[in-house]
């Protein structure tokens, strides 16, 4: 089994990549959905945060495929 290694520019990816930002937002929305289910406030239908989290997760997948000039190139990318 191959050992997991961080990419060379992991700090830049963590702070600048839109896919990371969308993934973190989706995780937060997923947590909010759990909280809403526990509290069940009036006026918020079931599944609202889960639906939004799903859309944000899809955005993260798309963002992962879109070239970002400040992150492209280097040892782990193509020379765009």
N, C-alpha and C. Protein backbone atom coordinates (compact mmCIF):
# COMPACT_ATOMS: atom_id res chain seq x y z
N UNK A 1 0.84 -1.18 0.00
CA UNK A 1 0.00 0.00 0.00
C UNK A 1 0.88 1.24 0.00
N UNK A 2 0.55 2.18 -0.84
CA UNK A 2 1.33 3.39 -0.97
C UNK A 2 1.05 4.35 0.18
N UNK A 3 2.10 4.94 0.70
CA UNK A 3 1.97 5.91 1.79
C UNK A 3 1.36 7.20 1.27
N UNK A 4 0.44 7.76 2.02
CA UNK A 4 -0.17 9.04 1.64
C UNK A 4 0.83 10.17 1.86
N UNK A 5 0.94 11.04 0.88
CA UNK A 5 1.82 12.19 0.98
C UNK A 5 1.05 13.45 0.61
N UNK A 6 1.36 14.53 1.29
CA UNK A 6 0.77 15.82 0.93
C UNK A 6 1.41 16.31 -0.35
N UNK A 7 0.63 17.02 -1.16
CA UNK A 7 1.19 17.61 -2.36
C UNK A 7 2.14 18.73 -1.96
N UNK A 8 3.03 19.08 -2.86
CA UNK A 8 4.07 20.06 -2.57
C UNK A 8 3.50 21.41 -2.13
N UNK A 9 2.44 21.86 -2.78
CA UNK A 9 1.86 23.18 -2.48
C UNK A 9 0.53 23.08 -1.73
N UNK A 10 0.48 22.19 -0.73
CA UNK A 10 -0.78 21.94 -0.04
C UNK A 10 -1.32 23.17 0.68
N UNK A 11 -0.44 24.02 1.17
CA UNK A 11 -0.92 25.23 1.86
C UNK A 11 -1.64 26.16 0.89
N UNK A 12 -1.10 26.31 -0.30
CA UNK A 12 -1.73 27.16 -1.30
C UNK A 12 -3.08 26.57 -1.72
N UNK A 13 -3.13 25.26 -1.89
CA UNK A 13 -4.38 24.61 -2.28
C UNK A 13 -5.41 24.77 -1.17
N UNK A 14 -4.99 24.58 0.07
CA UNK A 14 -5.92 24.69 1.20
C UNK A 14 -6.52 26.09 1.31
N UNK A 15 -5.72 27.12 1.06
CA UNK A 15 -6.21 28.49 1.25
C UNK A 15 -6.79 29.13 -0.01
N UNK A 16 -6.43 28.62 -1.21
CA UNK A 16 -6.85 29.31 -2.43
C UNK A 16 -7.79 28.51 -3.32
N UNK A 17 -7.79 27.20 -3.23
CA UNK A 17 -8.58 26.40 -4.17
C UNK A 17 -10.08 26.50 -3.86
N UNK A 18 -10.86 26.80 -4.90
CA UNK A 18 -12.30 26.91 -4.73
C UNK A 18 -12.90 25.57 -4.34
N UNK A 19 -12.33 24.48 -4.82
CA UNK A 19 -12.86 23.16 -4.46
C UNK A 19 -12.78 22.94 -2.95
N UNK A 20 -11.70 23.41 -2.31
CA UNK A 20 -11.58 23.29 -0.86
C UNK A 20 -12.62 24.16 -0.15
N UNK A 21 -12.80 25.37 -0.64
CA UNK A 21 -13.77 26.28 -0.02
C UNK A 21 -15.18 25.71 -0.11
N UNK A 22 -15.53 25.17 -1.29
CA UNK A 22 -16.86 24.57 -1.44
C UNK A 22 -17.01 23.32 -0.58
N UNK A 23 -15.97 22.52 -0.47
CA UNK A 23 -16.03 21.31 0.35
C UNK A 23 -16.24 21.64 1.82
N UNK A 24 -15.53 22.64 2.30
CA UNK A 24 -15.69 23.06 3.71
C UNK A 24 -17.09 23.62 3.94
N UNK A 25 -17.59 24.42 3.00
CA UNK A 25 -18.94 24.95 3.12
C UNK A 25 -19.98 23.83 3.12
N UNK A 26 -19.79 22.82 2.28
CA UNK A 26 -20.72 21.68 2.24
C UNK A 26 -20.71 20.93 3.57
N UNK A 27 -19.54 20.78 4.17
CA UNK A 27 -19.45 20.12 5.47
C UNK A 27 -20.19 20.92 6.55
N UNK A 28 -20.04 22.23 6.52
CA UNK A 28 -20.74 23.09 7.48
C UNK A 28 -22.25 22.98 7.30
N UNK A 29 -22.70 23.02 6.05
CA UNK A 29 -24.14 22.90 5.78
C UNK A 29 -24.68 21.54 6.20
N UNK A 30 -23.88 20.50 6.00
CA UNK A 30 -24.29 19.17 6.45
C UNK A 30 -24.46 19.12 7.96
N UNK A 31 -23.54 19.77 8.68
CA UNK A 31 -23.65 19.86 10.13
C UNK A 31 -24.88 20.66 10.56
N UNK A 32 -25.17 21.72 9.83
CA UNK A 32 -26.37 22.51 10.13
C UNK A 32 -27.64 21.69 9.93
N UNK A 33 -27.64 20.84 8.91
CA UNK A 33 -28.80 19.98 8.67
C UNK A 33 -29.04 19.06 9.86
N UNK A 34 -27.97 18.51 10.42
CA UNK A 34 -28.10 17.66 11.61
C UNK A 34 -28.65 18.48 12.78
N UNK A 35 -28.11 19.68 12.97
CA UNK A 35 -28.60 20.55 14.05
C UNK A 35 -30.06 20.92 13.89
N UNK A 36 -30.48 21.19 12.67
CA UNK A 36 -31.87 21.54 12.41
C UNK A 36 -32.78 20.35 12.73
N UNK A 37 -32.33 19.16 12.41
CA UNK A 37 -33.13 17.97 12.71
C UNK A 37 -33.31 17.77 14.22
N UNK A 38 -32.29 18.14 14.99
CA UNK A 38 -32.37 17.99 16.44
C UNK A 38 -33.26 19.05 17.07
N UNK A 39 -33.16 20.28 16.59
CA UNK A 39 -33.91 21.39 17.18
C UNK A 39 -35.30 21.52 16.56
N UNK A 40 -35.43 21.23 15.29
CA UNK A 40 -36.66 21.33 14.52
C UNK A 40 -37.36 22.69 14.68
N UNK A 41 -36.68 23.76 14.27
CA UNK A 41 -37.32 25.08 14.36
C UNK A 41 -38.45 25.21 13.34
N UNK A 42 -39.44 25.99 13.71
CA UNK A 42 -40.57 26.22 12.81
C UNK A 42 -40.11 27.05 11.63
N UNK A 43 -40.64 26.77 10.46
CA UNK A 43 -40.35 27.57 9.29
C UNK A 43 -39.21 27.06 8.42
N UNK A 44 -38.44 26.10 8.89
CA UNK A 44 -37.36 25.53 8.08
C UNK A 44 -37.74 24.10 7.73
N UNK A 45 -38.09 23.87 6.46
CA UNK A 45 -38.49 22.51 6.06
C UNK A 45 -37.32 21.53 6.14
N UNK A 46 -37.63 20.27 6.36
CA UNK A 46 -36.60 19.23 6.39
C UNK A 46 -35.87 19.16 5.06
N UNK A 47 -34.58 18.99 5.12
CA UNK A 47 -33.80 18.78 3.92
C UNK A 47 -33.28 20.03 3.23
N UNK A 48 -33.60 21.21 3.73
CA UNK A 48 -33.15 22.44 3.07
C UNK A 48 -31.63 22.53 3.05
N UNK A 49 -31.00 22.38 4.22
CA UNK A 49 -29.55 22.47 4.29
C UNK A 49 -28.89 21.31 3.56
N UNK A 50 -29.51 20.14 3.60
CA UNK A 50 -28.96 18.99 2.88
C UNK A 50 -28.98 19.24 1.37
N UNK A 51 -30.05 19.84 0.88
CA UNK A 51 -30.12 20.18 -0.54
C UNK A 51 -29.09 21.20 -0.95
N UNK A 52 -28.92 22.22 -0.12
CA UNK A 52 -27.91 23.24 -0.40
C UNK A 52 -26.52 22.62 -0.34
N UNK A 53 -26.27 21.76 0.66
CA UNK A 53 -24.98 21.10 0.78
C UNK A 53 -24.68 20.23 -0.44
N UNK A 54 -25.70 19.59 -0.98
CA UNK A 54 -25.52 18.78 -2.19
C UNK A 54 -25.11 19.65 -3.37
N UNK A 55 -25.77 20.79 -3.52
CA UNK A 55 -25.43 21.71 -4.61
C UNK A 55 -24.01 22.25 -4.45
N UNK A 56 -23.62 22.56 -3.23
CA UNK A 56 -22.28 23.07 -2.97
C UNK A 56 -21.24 21.97 -3.22
N UNK A 57 -21.56 20.73 -2.87
CA UNK A 57 -20.65 19.62 -3.14
C UNK A 57 -20.44 19.43 -4.63
N UNK A 58 -21.50 19.56 -5.40
CA UNK A 58 -21.39 19.48 -6.85
C UNK A 58 -20.52 20.63 -7.37
N UNK A 59 -20.68 21.80 -6.80
CA UNK A 59 -19.84 22.94 -7.18
C UNK A 59 -18.37 22.66 -6.87
N UNK A 60 -18.10 21.98 -5.76
CA UNK A 60 -16.72 21.63 -5.41
C UNK A 60 -16.13 20.69 -6.45
N UNK A 61 -16.92 19.74 -6.91
CA UNK A 61 -16.43 18.81 -7.94
C UNK A 61 -16.11 19.54 -9.23
N UNK A 62 -16.98 20.46 -9.62
CA UNK A 62 -16.74 21.24 -10.84
C UNK A 62 -15.52 22.14 -10.65
N UNK A 63 -15.41 22.78 -9.49
CA UNK A 63 -14.28 23.67 -9.22
C UNK A 63 -12.95 22.91 -9.24
N UNK A 64 -12.99 21.64 -8.89
CA UNK A 64 -11.77 20.83 -8.90
C UNK A 64 -11.22 20.67 -10.31
N UNK A 65 -12.09 20.73 -11.31
CA UNK A 65 -11.69 20.54 -12.70
C UNK A 65 -11.34 21.84 -13.41
N UNK A 66 -11.68 22.98 -12.82
CA UNK A 66 -11.44 24.28 -13.46
C UNK A 66 -10.04 24.76 -13.08
N UNK A 67 -9.29 25.19 -14.08
CA UNK A 67 -7.93 25.69 -13.84
C UNK A 67 -7.99 27.00 -13.06
N UNK A 68 -7.15 27.12 -12.07
CA UNK A 68 -7.03 28.35 -11.31
C UNK A 68 -5.59 28.83 -11.48
N UNK A 69 -5.43 29.95 -12.12
CA UNK A 69 -4.10 30.45 -12.50
C UNK A 69 -3.11 30.46 -11.34
N UNK A 70 -3.56 30.89 -10.16
CA UNK A 70 -2.64 30.99 -9.03
C UNK A 70 -2.23 29.63 -8.47
N UNK A 71 -2.91 28.54 -8.90
CA UNK A 71 -2.57 27.21 -8.41
C UNK A 71 -2.08 26.28 -9.49
N UNK A 72 -2.15 26.66 -10.74
CA UNK A 72 -1.75 25.78 -11.84
C UNK A 72 -0.24 25.69 -11.96
N UNK A 73 0.20 24.56 -12.48
CA UNK A 73 1.63 24.38 -12.73
C UNK A 73 2.35 23.80 -11.55
N UNK A 74 3.65 23.82 -11.62
CA UNK A 74 4.47 23.28 -10.55
C UNK A 74 4.62 21.77 -10.67
N UNK A 75 5.17 21.17 -9.65
CA UNK A 75 5.46 19.74 -9.68
C UNK A 75 4.21 18.87 -9.72
N UNK A 76 3.09 19.38 -9.21
CA UNK A 76 1.88 18.57 -9.12
C UNK A 76 0.82 18.92 -10.14
N UNK A 77 1.09 19.82 -11.02
CA UNK A 77 0.08 20.23 -11.99
C UNK A 77 0.67 20.34 -13.37
N UNK A 78 -0.15 20.80 -14.29
CA UNK A 78 0.36 21.01 -15.64
C UNK A 78 0.87 22.44 -15.75
N UNK A 79 1.60 22.70 -16.74
CA UNK A 79 2.16 24.04 -16.91
C UNK A 79 1.21 24.90 -17.74
N UNK A 80 0.12 25.34 -17.13
CA UNK A 80 -0.89 26.13 -17.82
C UNK A 80 -0.48 27.58 -17.89
